[in-house]
Amino acid sequence: MSKKHSARFLAIVESKRASVTEVSVGQVLGFMADNVGFQFIDVREREEWESGHIDGAIHLSKGIIERDIEGVIADPTAVLVLYCGGGFRSVLAASALHAMGYSNAVSMAGGWRAWCAAKAVTAHSK
């Protein structure tokens, strides 16, 4: 289920999207298969996190990520794959982390919904 976002919110996201690398769920699954070292960061709200999240992810909601990231991930060169519900908030969070010097923060396009859809397809194809 996708949400209806306001035009102003979407405009902010689009203004930041050009400066943020977005990776697909397929690319992330490839990173995992190739043992590329990265850390998932879930930037959704606590209620969303508690209803389900990617195994091994760290929860730093968009509202606190700038405040708390250095205490959790001190290395600004670490590869960080951020995700939210649909890939919008993670773009904004990745942009903020770039401004803080986290040069390898990327946003997972489609977010949690795309992850769940891809995992369901993978589960059905086995």
PDB file of N, CA and C in Angstrom:
ATOM      1  N   MET A   1       0.841  -1.177   0.000  1.00  0.00           N
ATOM      2  CA  MET A   1       0.000   0.000   0.000  1.00  0.00           C
ATOM      3  C   MET A   1       0.885   1.239   0.000  1.00  0.00           C
ATOM      4  N   SER A   2       0.797   2.065  -1.021  1.00  0.00           N
ATOM      5  CA  SER A   2       1.586   3.281  -1.047  1.00  0.00           C
ATOM      6  C   SER A   2       0.778   4.417  -0.455  1.00  0.00           C
ATOM      7  N   LYS A   3       1.496   5.383   0.077  1.00  0.00           N
ATOM      8  CA  LYS A   3       0.843   6.517   0.701  1.00  0.00           C
ATOM      9  C   LYS A   3       0.724   7.655  -0.296  1.00  0.00           C
ATOM     10  N   LYS A   4      -0.219   8.509  -0.074  1.00  0.00           N
ATOM     11  CA  LYS A   4      -0.380   9.717  -0.871  1.00  0.00           C
ATOM     12  C   LYS A   4       0.442  10.807  -0.200  1.00  0.00           C
ATOM     13  N   HIS A   5       1.479  11.254  -0.884  1.00  0.00           N
ATOM     14  CA  HIS A   5       2.352  12.277  -0.328  1.00  0.00           C
ATOM     15  C   HIS A   5       1.991  13.646  -0.894  1.00  0.00           C
ATOM     16  N   SER A   6       2.221  14.662  -0.093  1.00  0.00           N
ATOM     17  CA  SER A   6       1.920  16.019  -0.544  1.00  0.00           C
ATOM     18  C   SER A   6       2.916  16.457  -1.607  1.00  0.00           C
ATOM     19  N   ALA A   7       2.487  17.380  -2.423  1.00  0.00           N
ATOM     20  CA  ALA A   7       3.343  17.894  -3.495  1.00  0.00           C
ATOM     21  C   ALA A   7       4.592  18.558  -2.928  1.00  0.00           C
ATOM     22  N   ARG A   8       4.474  19.250  -1.825  1.00  0.00           N
ATOM     23  CA  ARG A   8       5.645  19.927  -1.234  1.00  0.00           C
ATOM     24  C   ARG A   8       6.657  18.916  -0.719  1.00  0.00           C
ATOM     25  N   PHE A   9       6.166  17.860  -0.081  1.00  0.00           N
ATOM     26  CA  PHE A   9       7.073  16.806   0.393  1.00  0.00           C
ATOM     27  C   PHE A   9       7.800  16.178  -0.792  1.00  0.00           C
ATOM     28  N   LEU A  10       7.058  15.829  -1.827  1.00  0.00           N
ATOM     29  CA  LEU A  10       7.661  15.212  -3.010  1.00  0.00           C
ATOM     30  C   LEU A  10       8.668  16.148  -3.675  1.00  0.00           C
ATOM     31  N   ALA A  11       8.396  17.447  -3.654  1.00  0.00           N
ATOM     32  CA  ALA A  11       9.335  18.414  -4.236  1.00  0.00           C
ATOM     33  C   ALA A  11      10.652  18.430  -3.462  1.00  0.00           C
ATOM     34  N   ILE A  12      10.573  18.353  -2.142  1.00  0.00           N
ATOM     35  CA  ILE A  12      11.796  18.308  -1.326  1.00  0.00           C
ATOM     36  C   ILE A  12      12.576  17.042  -1.641  1.00  0.00           C
ATOM     37  N   VAL A  13      11.890  15.912  -1.695  1.00  0.00           N
ATOM     38  CA  VAL A  13      12.555  14.647  -2.000  1.00  0.00           C
ATOM     39  C   VAL A  13      13.228  14.727  -3.365  1.00  0.00           C
ATOM     40  N   GLU A  14      12.514  15.215  -4.364  1.00  0.00           N
ATOM     41  CA  GLU A  14      13.076  15.294  -5.713  1.00  0.00           C
ATOM     42  C   GLU A  14      14.278  16.227  -5.765  1.00  0.00           C
ATOM     43  N   SER A  15      14.269  17.287  -4.969  1.00  0.00           N
ATOM     44  CA  SER A  15      15.407  18.211  -4.966  1.00  0.00           C
ATOM     45  C   SER A  15      16.658  17.564  -4.381  1.00  0.00           C
ATOM     46  N   LYS A  16      16.494  16.579  -3.529  1.00  0.00           N
ATOM     47  CA  LYS A  16      17.621  15.876  -2.907  1.00  0.00           C
ATOM     48  C   LYS A  16      18.018  14.620  -3.666  1.00  0.00           C
ATOM     49  N   ARG A  17      17.089  14.043  -4.398  1.00  0.00           N
ATOM     50  CA  ARG A  17      17.312  12.755  -5.071  1.00  0.00           C
ATOM     51  C   ARG A  17      18.526  12.789  -6.004  1.00  0.00           C
ATOM     52  N   ALA A  18      18.745  13.892  -6.697  1.00  0.00           N
ATOM     53  CA  ALA A  18      19.857  13.980  -7.651  1.00  0.00           C
ATOM     54  C   ALA A  18      21.221  13.856  -6.974  1.00  0.00           C
ATOM     55  N   SER A  19      21.286  14.198  -5.697  1.00  0.00           N
ATOM     56  CA  SER A  19      22.572  14.154  -4.988  1.00  0.00           C
ATOM     57  C   SER A  19      22.763  12.878  -4.167  1.00  0.00           C
ATOM     58  N   VAL A  20      21.796  11.967  -4.238  1.00  0.00           N
ATOM     59  CA  VAL A  20      21.840  10.739  -3.437  1.00  0.00           C
ATOM     60  C   VAL A  20      21.849   9.538  -4.376  1.00  0.00           C
ATOM     61  N   THR A  21      22.719   8.594  -4.106  1.00  0.00           N
ATOM     62  CA  THR A  21      22.710   7.348  -4.864  1.00  0.00           C
ATOM     63  C   THR A  21      21.568   6.480  -4.357  1.00  0.00           C
ATOM     64  N   GLU A  22      20.776   5.982  -5.293  1.00  0.00           N
ATOM     65  CA  GLU A  22      19.722   5.042  -4.945  1.00  0.00           C
ATOM     66  C   GLU A  22      20.107   3.678  -5.497  1.00  0.00           C
ATOM     67  N   VAL A  23      19.893   2.667  -4.693  1.00  0.00           N
ATOM     68  CA  VAL A  23      20.165   1.289  -5.105  1.00  0.00           C
ATOM     69  C   VAL A  23      18.861   0.511  -5.052  1.00  0.00           C
ATOM     70  N   SER A  24      18.734  -0.437  -5.941  1.00  0.00           N
ATOM     71  CA  SER A  24      17.531  -1.269  -5.970  1.00  0.00           C
ATOM     72  C   SER A  24      17.655  -2.396  -4.947  1.00  0.00           C
ATOM     73  N   VAL A  25      16.541  -3.007  -4.635  1.00  0.00           N
ATOM     74  CA  VAL A  25      16.558  -4.180  -3.768  1.00  0.00           C
ATOM     75  C   VAL A  25      17.435  -5.260  -4.393  1.00  0.00           C
ATOM     76  N   GLY A  26      17.353  -5.432  -5.705  1.00  0.00           N
ATOM     77  CA  GLY A  26      18.188  -6.413  -6.389  1.00  0.00           C
ATOM     78  C   GLY A  26      19.675  -6.146  -6.198  1.00  0.00           C
ATOM     79  N   GLN A  27      20.062  -4.878  -6.266  1.00  0.00           N
ATOM     80  CA  GLN A  27      21.467  -4.529  -6.029  1.00  0.00           C
ATOM     81  C   GLN A  27      21.869  -4.864  -4.592  1.00  0.00           C
ATOM     82  N   VAL A  28      20.999  -4.561  -3.638  1.00  0.00           N
ATOM     83  CA  VAL A  28      21.298  -4.858  -2.236  1.00  0.00           C
ATOM     84  C   VAL A  28      21.424  -6.368  -2.032  1.00  0.00           C
ATOM     85  N   LEU A  29      20.521  -7.132  -2.638  1.00  0.00           N
ATOM     86  CA  LEU A  29      20.630  -8.589  -2.536  1.00  0.00           C
ATOM     87  C   LEU A  29      21.939  -9.069  -3.161  1.00  0.00           C
ATOM     88  N   GLY A  30      22.370  -8.410  -4.224  1.00  0.00           N
ATOM     89  CA  GLY A  30      23.667  -8.720  -4.828  1.00  0.00           C
ATOM     90  C   GLY A  30      24.818  -8.403  -3.897  1.00  0.00           C
ATOM     91  N   PHE A  31      24.736  -7.262  -3.194  1.00  0.00           N
ATOM     92  CA  PHE A  31      25.765  -6.916  -2.199  1.00  0.00           C
ATOM     93  C   PHE A  31      25.859  -8.033  -1.159  1.00  0.00           C
ATOM     94  N   MET A  32      24.701  -8.503  -0.735  1.00  0.00           N
ATOM     95  CA  MET A  32      24.673  -9.551   0.290  1.00  0.00           C
ATOM     96  C   MET A  32      25.291 -10.839  -0.244  1.00  0.00           C
ATOM     97  N   ALA A  33      24.938 -11.214  -1.466  1.00  0.00           N
ATOM     98  CA  ALA A  33      25.474 -12.441  -2.068  1.00  0.00           C
ATOM     99  C   ALA A  33      26.988 -12.348  -2.262  1.00  0.00           C
ATOM    100  N   ASP A  34      27.468 -11.137  -2.558  1.00  0.00           N
ATOM    101  CA  ASP A  34      28.901 -10.923  -2.790  1.00  0.00           C
ATOM    102  C   ASP A  34      29.660 -10.564  -1.521  1.00  0.00           C
ATOM    103  N   ASN A  35      28.977 -10.615  -0.368  1.00  0.00           N
ATOM    104  CA  ASN A  35      29.580 -10.273   0.922  1.00  0.00           C
ATOM    105  C   ASN A  35      30.192  -8.878   0.946  1.00  0.00           C
ATOM    106  N   VAL A  36      29.528  -7.939   0.271  1.00  0.00           N
ATOM    107  CA  VAL A  36      29.952  -6.538   0.342  1.00  0.00           C
ATOM    108  C   VAL A  36      29.570  -6.029   1.725  1.00  0.00           C
ATOM    109  N   GLY A  37      30.508  -5.479   2.430  1.00  0.00           N
ATOM    110  CA  GLY A  37      30.234  -4.995   3.779  1.00  0.00           C
ATOM    111  C   GLY A  37      29.410  -3.716   3.764  1.00  0.00           C
ATOM    112  N   PHE A  38      28.255  -3.747   4.392  1.00  0.00           N
ATOM    113  CA  PHE A  38      27.424  -2.559   4.527  1.00  0.00           C
ATOM    114  C   PHE A  38      26.533  -2.731   5.743  1.00  0.00           C
ATOM    115  N   GLN A  39      25.935  -1.630   6.172  1.00  0.00           N
ATOM    116  CA  GLN A  39      25.020  -1.654   7.301  1.00  0.00           C
ATOM    117  C   GLN A  39      23.671  -1.123   6.855  1.00  0.00           C
ATOM    118  N   PHE A  40      22.609  -1.907   7.093  1.00  0.00           N
ATOM    119  CA  PHE A  40      21.250  -1.424   6.870  1.00  0.00           C
ATOM    120  C   PHE A  40      20.891  -0.464   7.989  1.00  0.00           C
ATOM    121  N   ILE A  41      20.267   0.638   7.633  1.00  0.00           N
ATOM    122  CA  ILE A  41      19.715   1.559   8.629  1.00  0.00           C
ATOM    123  C   ILE A  41      18.267   1.830   8.249  1.00  0.00           C
ATOM    124  N   ASP A  42      17.377   1.507   9.155  1.00  0.00           N
ATOM    125  CA  ASP A  42      15.941   1.709   8.992  1.00  0.00           C
ATOM    126  C   ASP A  42      15.613   3.087   9.557  1.00  0.00           C
ATOM    127  N   VAL A  43      15.128   3.991   8.696  1.00  0.00           N
ATOM    128  CA  VAL A  43      14.849   5.355   9.137  1.00  0.00           C
ATOM    129  C   VAL A  43      13.356   5.596   9.385  1.00  0.00           C
ATOM    130  N   ARG A  44      12.571   4.524   9.440  1.00  0.00           N
ATOM    131  CA  ARG A  44      11.139   4.653   9.692  1.00  0.00           C
ATOM    132  C   ARG A  44      10.880   4.970  11.169  1.00  0.00           C
ATOM    133  N   GLU A  45       9.657   5.264  11.471  1.00  0.00           N
ATOM    134  CA  GLU A  45       9.253   5.520  12.859  1.00  0.00           C
ATOM    135  C   GLU A  45       9.268   4.211  13.655  1.00  0.00           C
ATOM    136  N   ARG A  46       9.342   4.352  14.976  1.00  0.00           N
ATOM    137  CA  ARG A  46       9.442   3.181  15.847  1.00  0.00           C
ATOM    138  C   ARG A  46       8.308   2.182  15.610  1.00  0.00           C
ATOM    139  N   GLU A  47       7.084   2.658  15.434  1.00  0.00           N
ATOM    140  CA  GLU A  47       5.952   1.745  15.231  1.00  0.00           C
ATOM    141  C   GLU A  47       6.143   0.918  13.953  1.00  0.00           C
ATOM    142  N   GLU A  48       6.669   1.557  12.930  1.00  0.00           N
ATOM    143  CA  GLU A  48       6.918   0.840  11.677  1.00  0.00           C
ATOM    144  C   GLU A  48       8.003  -0.212  11.876  1.00  0.00           C
ATOM    145  N   TRP A  49       9.075   0.170  12.565  1.00  0.00           N
ATOM    146  CA  TRP A  49      10.189  -0.746  12.874  1.00  0.00           C
ATOM    147  C   TRP A  49       9.683  -1.952  13.641  1.00  0.00           C
ATOM    148  N   GLU A  50       8.863  -1.697  14.664  1.00  0.00           N
ATOM    149  CA  GLU A  50       8.371  -2.783  15.507  1.00  0.00           C
ATOM    150  C   GLU A  50       7.435  -3.727  14.764  1.00  0.00           C
ATOM    151  N   SER A  51       6.809  -3.253  13.690  1.00  0.00           N
ATOM    152  CA  SER A  51       5.914  -4.131  12.934  1.00  0.00           C
ATOM    153  C   SER A  51       6.674  -5.027  11.956  1.00  0.00           C
ATOM    154  N   GLY A  52       7.958  -4.786  11.794  1.00  0.00           N
ATOM    155  CA  GLY A  52       8.794  -5.618  10.940  1.00  0.00           C
ATOM    156  C   GLY A  52       9.934  -4.812  10.357  1.00  0.00           C
ATOM    157  N   HIS A  53      11.093  -5.448  10.232  1.00  0.00           N
ATOM    158  CA  HIS A  53      12.267  -4.775   9.675  1.00  0.00           C
ATOM    159  C   HIS A  53      13.237  -5.813   9.112  1.00  0.00           C
ATOM    160  N   ILE A  54      14.221  -5.337   8.379  1.00  0.00           N
ATOM    161  CA  ILE A  54      15.209  -6.224   7.774  1.00  0.00           C
ATOM    162  C   ILE A  54      16.143  -6.737   8.861  1.00  0.00           C
ATOM    163  N   ASP A  55      16.377  -8.042   8.863  1.00  0.00           N
ATOM    164  CA  ASP A  55      17.284  -8.645   9.847  1.00  0.00           C
ATOM    165  C   ASP A  55      18.647  -7.962   9.794  1.00  0.00           C
ATOM    166  N   GLY A  56      19.153  -7.609  10.964  1.00  0.00           N
ATOM    167  CA  GLY A  56      20.470  -6.989  11.065  1.00  0.00           C
ATOM    168  C   GLY A  56      20.466  -5.483  10.923  1.00  0.00           C
ATOM    169  N   ALA A  57      19.316  -4.903  10.616  1.00  0.00           N
ATOM    170  CA  ALA A  57      19.238  -3.449  10.459  1.00  0.00           C
ATOM    171  C   ALA A  57      19.354  -2.754  11.812  1.00  0.00           C
ATOM    172  N   ILE A  58      19.835  -1.536  11.762  1.00  0.00           N
ATOM    173  CA  ILE A  58      19.859  -0.641  12.915  1.00  0.00           C
ATOM    174  C   ILE A  58      18.694   0.325  12.740  1.00  0.00           C
ATOM    175  N   HIS A  59      18.016   0.641  13.839  1.00  0.00           N
ATOM    176  CA  HIS A  59      16.914   1.599  13.755  1.00  0.00           C
ATOM    177  C   HIS A  59      17.391   2.977  14.207  1.00  0.00           C
ATOM    178  N   LEU A  60      17.415   3.908  13.266  1.00  0.00           N
ATOM    179  CA  LEU A  60      17.674   5.320  13.557  1.00  0.00           C
ATOM    180  C   LEU A  60      16.660   6.109  12.731  1.00  0.00           C
ATOM    181  N   SER A  61      15.551   6.459  13.333  1.00  0.00           N
ATOM    182  CA  SER A  61      14.502   7.128  12.569  1.00  0.00           C
ATOM    183  C   SER A  61      14.993   8.446  11.991  1.00  0.00           C
ATOM    184  N   LYS A  62      14.344   8.873  10.935  1.00  0.00           N
ATOM    185  CA  LYS A  62      14.731  10.095  10.254  1.00  0.00           C
ATOM    186  C   LYS A  62      14.785  11.276  11.209  1.00  0.00           C
ATOM    187  N   GLY A  63      13.963  11.279  12.209  1.00  0.00           N
ATOM    188  CA  GLY A  63      13.927  12.390  13.151  1.00  0.00           C
ATOM    189  C   GLY A  63      15.140  12.503  14.059  1.00  0.00           C
ATOM    190  N   ILE A  64      15.903  11.416  14.198  1.00  0.00           N
ATOM    191  CA  ILE A  64      17.046  11.445  15.125  1.00  0.00           C
ATOM    192  C   ILE A  64      18.366  11.004  14.494  1.00  0.00           C
ATOM    193  N   ILE A  65      18.352  10.647  13.235  1.00  0.00           N
ATOM    194  CA  ILE A  65      19.552  10.048  12.644  1.00  0.00           C
ATOM    195  C   ILE A  65      20.758  10.992  12.697  1.00  0.00           C
ATOM    196  N   GLU A  66      20.554  12.272  12.404  1.00  0.00           N
ATOM    197  CA  GLU A  66      21.681  13.212  12.438  1.00  0.00           C
ATOM    198  C   GLU A  66      22.251  13.337  13.854  1.00  0.00           C
ATOM    199  N   ARG A  67      21.381  13.303  14.832  1.00  0.00           N
ATOM    200  CA  ARG A  67      21.809  13.423  16.222  1.00  0.00           C
ATOM    201  C   ARG A  67      22.591  12.212  16.694  1.00  0.00           C
ATOM    202  N   ASP A  68      22.191  11.013  16.261  1.00  0.00           N
ATOM    203  CA  ASP A  68      22.725   9.786  16.850  1.00  0.00           C
ATOM    204  C   ASP A  68      23.685   8.985  15.981  1.00  0.00           C
ATOM    205  N   ILE A  69      23.821   9.312  14.700  1.00  0.00           N
ATOM    206  CA  ILE A  69      24.602   8.471  13.804  1.00  0.00           C
ATOM    207  C   ILE A  69      26.045   8.297  14.264  1.00  0.00           C
ATOM    208  N   GLU A  70      26.688   9.350  14.721  1.00  0.00           N
ATOM    209  CA  GLU A  70      28.104   9.248  15.082  1.00  0.00           C
ATOM    210  C   GLU A  70      28.342   8.314  16.266  1.00  0.00           C
ATOM    211  N   GLY A  71      27.366   8.188  17.147  1.00  0.00           N
ATOM    212  CA  GLY A  71      27.498   7.273  18.265  1.00  0.00           C
ATOM    213  C   GLY A  71      27.290   5.818  17.873  1.00  0.00           C
ATOM    214  N   VAL A  72      26.672   5.589  16.725  1.00  0.00           N
ATOM    215  CA  VAL A  72      26.372   4.238  16.264  1.00  0.00           C
ATOM    216  C   VAL A  72      27.339   3.803  15.159  1.00  0.00           C
ATOM    217  N   ILE A  73      27.578   4.677  14.209  1.00  0.00           N
ATOM    218  CA  ILE A  73      28.507   4.422  13.097  1.00  0.00           C
ATOM    219  C   ILE A  73      29.493   5.591  13.087  1.00  0.00           C
ATOM    220  N   ALA A  74      30.658   5.388  13.654  1.00  0.00           N
ATOM    221  CA  ALA A  74      31.636   6.470  13.753  1.00  0.00           C
ATOM    222  C   ALA A  74      32.374   6.720  12.440  1.00  0.00           C
ATOM    223  N   ASP A  75      32.508   5.691  11.613  1.00  0.00           N
ATOM    224  CA  ASP A  75      33.284   5.789  10.377  1.00  0.00           C
ATOM    225  C   ASP A  75      32.467   6.450   9.276  1.00  0.00           C
ATOM    226  N   PRO A  76      32.826   7.668   8.861  1.00  0.00           N
ATOM    227  CA  PRO A  76      32.053   8.342   7.817  1.00  0.00           C
ATOM    228  C   PRO A  76      32.235   7.733   6.427  1.00  0.00           C
ATOM    229  N   THR A  77      33.138   6.750   6.299  1.00  0.00           N
ATOM    230  CA  THR A  77      33.301   6.076   5.006  1.00  0.00           C
ATOM    231  C   THR A  77      32.552   4.742   4.946  1.00  0.00           C
ATOM    232  N   ALA A  78      31.881   4.375   6.032  1.00  0.00           N
ATOM    233  CA  ALA A  78      31.122   3.123   6.058  1.00  0.00           C
ATOM    234  C   ALA A  78      30.017   3.157   5.002  1.00  0.00           C
ATOM    235  N   VAL A  79      29.749   2.006   4.404  1.00  0.00           N
ATOM    236  CA  VAL A  79      28.660   1.901   3.434  1.00  0.00           C
ATOM    237  C   VAL A  79      27.359   1.696   4.212  1.00  0.00           C
ATOM    238  N   LEU A  80      26.428   2.615   4.040  1.00  0.00           N
ATOM    239  CA  LEU A  80      25.159   2.601   4.757  1.00  0.00           C
ATOM    240  C   LEU A  80      24.022   2.527   3.744  1.00  0.00           C
ATOM    241  N   VAL A  81      23.186   1.519   3.876  1.00  0.00           N
ATOM    242  CA  VAL A  81      22.010   1.384   3.025  1.00  0.00           C
ATOM    243  C   VAL A  81      20.802   1.765   3.872  1.00  0.00           C
ATOM    244  N   LEU A  82      20.246   2.930   3.594  1.00  0.00           N
ATOM    245  CA  LEU A  82      19.104   3.444   4.335  1.00  0.00           C
ATOM    246  C   LEU A  82      17.816   3.027   3.645  1.00  0.00           C
ATOM    247  N   TYR A  83      16.810   2.712   4.459  1.00  0.00           N
ATOM    248  CA  TYR A  83      15.499   2.421   3.886  1.00  0.00           C
ATOM    249  C   TYR A  83      14.403   2.945   4.791  1.00  0.00           C
ATOM    250  N   CYS A  84      13.271   3.228   4.160  1.00  0.00           N
ATOM    251  CA  CYS A  84      12.074   3.647   4.878  1.00  0.00           C
ATOM    252  C   CYS A  84      10.913   2.831   4.314  1.00  0.00           C
ATOM    253  N   GLY A  85       9.724   3.341   4.357  1.00  0.00           N
ATOM    254  CA  GLY A  85       8.592   2.584   3.849  1.00  0.00           C
ATOM    255  C   GLY A  85       8.564   2.476   2.334  1.00  0.00           C
ATOM    256  N   GLY A  86       8.861   3.580   1.646  1.00  0.00           N
ATOM    257  CA  GLY A  86       8.762   3.579   0.194  1.00  0.00           C
ATOM    258  C   GLY A  86       9.922   4.223  -0.543  1.00  0.00           C
ATOM    259  N   GLY A  87      10.938   4.673   0.186  1.00  0.00           N
ATOM    260  CA  GLY A  87      12.120   5.225  -0.469  1.00  0.00           C
ATOM    261  C   GLY A  87      12.181   6.736  -0.534  1.00  0.00           C
ATOM    262  N   PHE A  88      11.317   7.421   0.167  1.00  0.00           N
ATOM    263  CA  PHE A  88      11.328   8.881   0.159  1.00  0.00           C
ATOM    264  C   PHE A  88      12.104   9.440   1.348  1.00  0.00           C
ATOM    265  N   ARG A  89      11.725   9.043   2.557  1.00  0.00           N
ATOM    266  CA  ARG A  89      12.428   9.529   3.747  1.00  0.00           C
ATOM    267  C   ARG A  89      13.888   9.114   3.741  1.00  0.00           C
ATOM    268  N   SER A  90      14.182   7.942   3.177  1.00  0.00           N
ATOM    269  CA  SER A  90      15.578   7.486   3.134  1.00  0.00           C
ATOM    270  C   SER A  90      16.423   8.367   2.223  1.00  0.00           C
ATOM    271  N   VAL A  91      15.829   8.938   1.174  1.00  0.00           N
ATOM    272  CA  VAL A  91      16.555   9.897   0.333  1.00  0.00           C
ATOM    273  C   VAL A  91      16.916  11.122   1.159  1.00  0.00           C
ATOM    274  N   LEU A  92      15.957  11.640   1.917  1.00  0.00           N
ATOM    275  CA  LEU A  92      16.215  12.817   2.747  1.00  0.00           C
ATOM    276  C   LEU A  92      17.258  12.534   3.821  1.00  0.00           C
ATOM    277  N   ALA A  93      17.172  11.362   4.439  1.00  0.00           N
ATOM    278  CA  ALA A  93      18.144  10.996   5.477  1.00  0.00           C
ATOM    279  C   ALA A  93      19.537  10.816   4.890  1.00  0.00           C
ATOM    280  N   ALA A  94      19.637  10.189   3.727  1.00  0.00           N
ATOM    281  CA  ALA A  94      20.938  10.008   3.077  1.00  0.00           C
ATOM    282  C   ALA A  94      21.540  11.361   2.717  1.00  0.00           C
ATOM    283  N   SER A  95      20.721  12.288   2.251  1.00  0.00           N
ATOM    284  CA  SER A  95      21.201  13.622   1.929  1.00  0.00           C
ATOM    285  C   SER A  95      21.761  14.318   3.177  1.00  0.00           C
ATOM    286  N   ALA A  96      21.057  14.190   4.283  1.00  0.00           N
ATOM    287  CA  ALA A  96      21.529  14.788   5.537  1.00  0.00           C
ATOM    288  C   ALA A  96      22.849  14.161   5.982  1.00  0.00           C
ATOM    289  N   LEU A  97      22.961  12.839   5.836  1.00  0.00           N
ATOM    290  CA  LEU A  97      24.215  12.174   6.220  1.00  0.00           C
ATOM    291  C   LEU A  97      25.361  12.601   5.310  1.00  0.00           C
ATOM    292  N   HIS A  98      25.087  12.794   4.030  1.00  0.00           N
ATOM    293  CA  HIS A  98      26.126  13.301   3.124  1.00  0.00           C
ATOM    294  C   HIS A  98      26.635  14.650   3.622  1.00  0.00           C
ATOM    295  N   ALA A  99      25.716  15.515   4.051  1.00  0.00           N
ATOM    296  CA  ALA A  99      26.090  16.832   4.563  1.00  0.00           C
ATOM    297  C   ALA A  99      26.965  16.725   5.812  1.00  0.00           C
ATOM    298  N   MET A 100      26.834  15.607   6.536  1.00  0.00           N
ATOM    299  CA  MET A 100      27.640  15.367   7.739  1.00  0.00           C
ATOM    300  C   MET A 100      28.948  14.655   7.413  1.00  0.00           C
ATOM    301  N   GLY A 101      29.185  14.322   6.143  1.00  0.00           N
ATOM    302  CA  GLY A 101      30.423  13.666   5.753  1.00  0.00           C
ATOM    303  C   GLY A 101      30.333  12.172   5.542  1.00  0.00           C
ATOM    304  N   TYR A 102      29.149  11.591   5.672  1.00  0.00           N
ATOM    305  CA  TYR A 102      28.959  10.155   5.425  1.00  0.00           C
ATOM    306  C   TYR A 102      28.798   9.959   3.912  1.00  0.00           C
ATOM    307  N   SER A 103      29.919   9.763   3.250  1.00  0.00           N
ATOM    308  CA  SER A 103      29.961   9.788   1.786  1.00  0.00           C
ATOM    309  C   SER A 103      29.366   8.557   1.122  1.00  0.00           C
ATOM    310  N   ASN A 104      29.197   7.462   1.856  1.00  0.00           N
ATOM    311  CA  ASN A 104      28.682   6.221   1.265  1.00  0.00           C
ATOM    312  C   ASN A 104      27.301   5.845   1.777  1.00  0.00           C
ATOM    313  N   ALA A 105      26.512   6.847   2.129  1.00  0.00           N
ATOM    314  CA  ALA A 105      25.130   6.607   2.530  1.00  0.00           C
ATOM    315  C   ALA A 105      24.280   6.593   1.269  1.00  0.00           C
ATOM    316  N   VAL A 106      23.558   5.501   1.051  1.00  0.00           N
ATOM    317  CA  VAL A 106      22.686   5.358  -0.121  1.00  0.00           C
ATOM    318  C   VAL A 106      21.267   5.055   0.339  1.00  0.00           C
ATOM    319  N   SER A 107      20.324   5.298  -0.547  1.00  0.00           N
ATOM    320  CA  SER A 107      18.920   5.036  -0.256  1.00  0.00           C
ATOM    321  C   SER A 107      18.467   3.824  -1.064  1.00  0.00           C
ATOM    322  N   MET A 108      17.760   2.916  -0.411  1.00  0.00           N
ATOM    323  CA  MET A 108      17.215   1.762  -1.117  1.00  0.00           C
ATOM    324  C   MET A 108      15.879   2.156  -1.742  1.00  0.00           C
ATOM    325  N   ALA A 109      15.854   2.206  -3.056  1.00  0.00           N
ATOM    326  CA  ALA A 109      14.648   2.598  -3.793  1.00  0.00           C
ATOM    327  C   ALA A 109      13.498   1.647  -3.464  1.00  0.00           C
ATOM    328  N   GLY A 110      12.345   2.233  -3.207  1.00  0.00           N
ATOM    329  CA  GLY A 110      11.167   1.421  -2.907  1.00  0.00           C
ATOM    330  C   GLY A 110      11.033   1.019  -1.459  1.00  0.00           C
ATOM    331  N   GLY A 111      12.120   1.140  -0.687  1.00  0.00           N
ATOM    332  CA  GLY A 111      12.083   0.899   0.747  1.00  0.00           C
ATOM    333  C   GLY A 111      11.593  -0.468   1.183  1.00  0.00           C
ATOM    334  N   TRP A 112      10.991  -0.469   2.364  1.00  0.00           N
ATOM    335  CA  TRP A 112      10.501  -1.703   2.989  1.00  0.00           C
ATOM    336  C   TRP A 112       9.498  -2.424   2.095  1.00  0.00           C
ATOM    337  N   ARG A 113       8.606  -1.666   1.454  1.00  0.00           N
ATOM    338  CA  ARG A 113       7.599  -2.310   0.599  1.00  0.00           C
ATOM    339  C   ARG A 113       8.257  -3.047  -0.565  1.00  0.00           C
ATOM    340  N   ALA A 114       9.262  -2.453  -1.178  1.00  0.00           N
ATOM    341  CA  ALA A 114       9.957  -3.123  -2.283  1.00  0.00           C
ATOM    342  C   ALA A 114      10.732  -4.335  -1.776  1.00  0.00           C
ATOM    343  N   TRP A 115      11.322  -4.229  -0.580  1.00  0.00           N
ATOM    344  CA  TRP A 115      12.053  -5.347   0.009  1.00  0.00           C
ATOM    345  C   TRP A 115      11.106  -6.528   0.234  1.00  0.00           C
ATOM    346  N   CYS A 116       9.959  -6.251   0.841  1.00  0.00           N
ATOM    347  CA  CYS A 116       8.993  -7.322   1.114  1.00  0.00           C
ATOM    348  C   CYS A 116       8.484  -7.945  -0.178  1.00  0.00           C
ATOM    349  N   ALA A 117       8.226  -7.135  -1.183  1.00  0.00           N
ATOM    350  CA  ALA A 117       7.759  -7.650  -2.466  1.00  0.00           C
ATOM    351  C   ALA A 117       8.824  -8.528  -3.113  1.00  0.00           C
ATOM    352  N   ALA A 118      10.067  -8.098  -3.079  1.00  0.00           N
ATOM    353  CA  ALA A 118      11.159  -8.876  -3.676  1.00  0.00           C
ATOM    354  C   ALA A 118      11.390 -10.170  -2.923  1.00  0.00           C
ATOM    355  N   LYS A 119      11.315 -10.124  -1.616  1.00  0.00           N
ATOM    356  CA  LYS A 119      11.520 -11.332  -0.818  1.00  0.00           C
ATOM    357  C   LYS A 119      10.383 -12.323  -1.057  1.00  0.00           C
ATOM    358  N   ALA A 120       9.169 -11.838  -1.260  1.00  0.00           N
ATOM    359  CA  ALA A 120       8.037 -12.725  -1.552  1.00  0.00           C
ATOM    360  C   ALA A 120       8.240 -13.395  -2.902  1.00  0.00           C
ATOM    361  N   VAL A 121       8.709 -12.658  -3.884  1.00  0.00           N
ATOM    362  CA  VAL A 121       8.979 -13.225  -5.207  1.00  0.00           C
ATOM    363  C   VAL A 121      10.086 -14.263  -5.093  1.00  0.00           C
ATOM    364  N   THR A 122      11.138 -13.933  -4.341  1.00  0.00           N
ATOM    365  CA  THR A 122      12.250 -14.868  -4.155  1.00  0.00           C
ATOM    366  C   THR A 122      11.752 -16.143  -3.469  1.00  0.00           C
ATOM    367  N   ALA A 123      10.914 -15.996  -2.447  1.00  0.00           N
ATOM    368  CA  ALA A 123      10.405 -17.158  -1.725  1.00  0.00           C
ATOM    369  C   ALA A 123       9.546 -18.032  -2.627  1.00  0.00           C
ATOM    370  N   HIS A 124       8.772 -17.423  -3.514  1.00  0.00           N
ATOM    371  CA  HIS A 124       7.905 -18.181  -4.415  1.00  0.00           C
ATOM    372  C   HIS A 124       8.686 -18.852  -5.544  1.00  0.00           C
ATOM    373  N   SER A 125       9.866 -18.312  -5.850  1.00  0.00           N
ATOM    374  CA  SER A 125      10.624 -18.855  -6.979  1.00  0.00           C
ATOM    375  C   SER A 125      11.493 -20.027  -6.579  1.00  0.00           C
ATOM    376  N   LYS A 126      11.571 -20.335  -5.299  1.00  0.00           N
ATOM    377  CA  LYS A 126      12.408 -21.450  -4.853  1.00  0.00           C
ATOM    378  C   LYS A 126      11.706 -22.764  -4.994  1.00  0.00           C
TER     379      LYS A 126
END
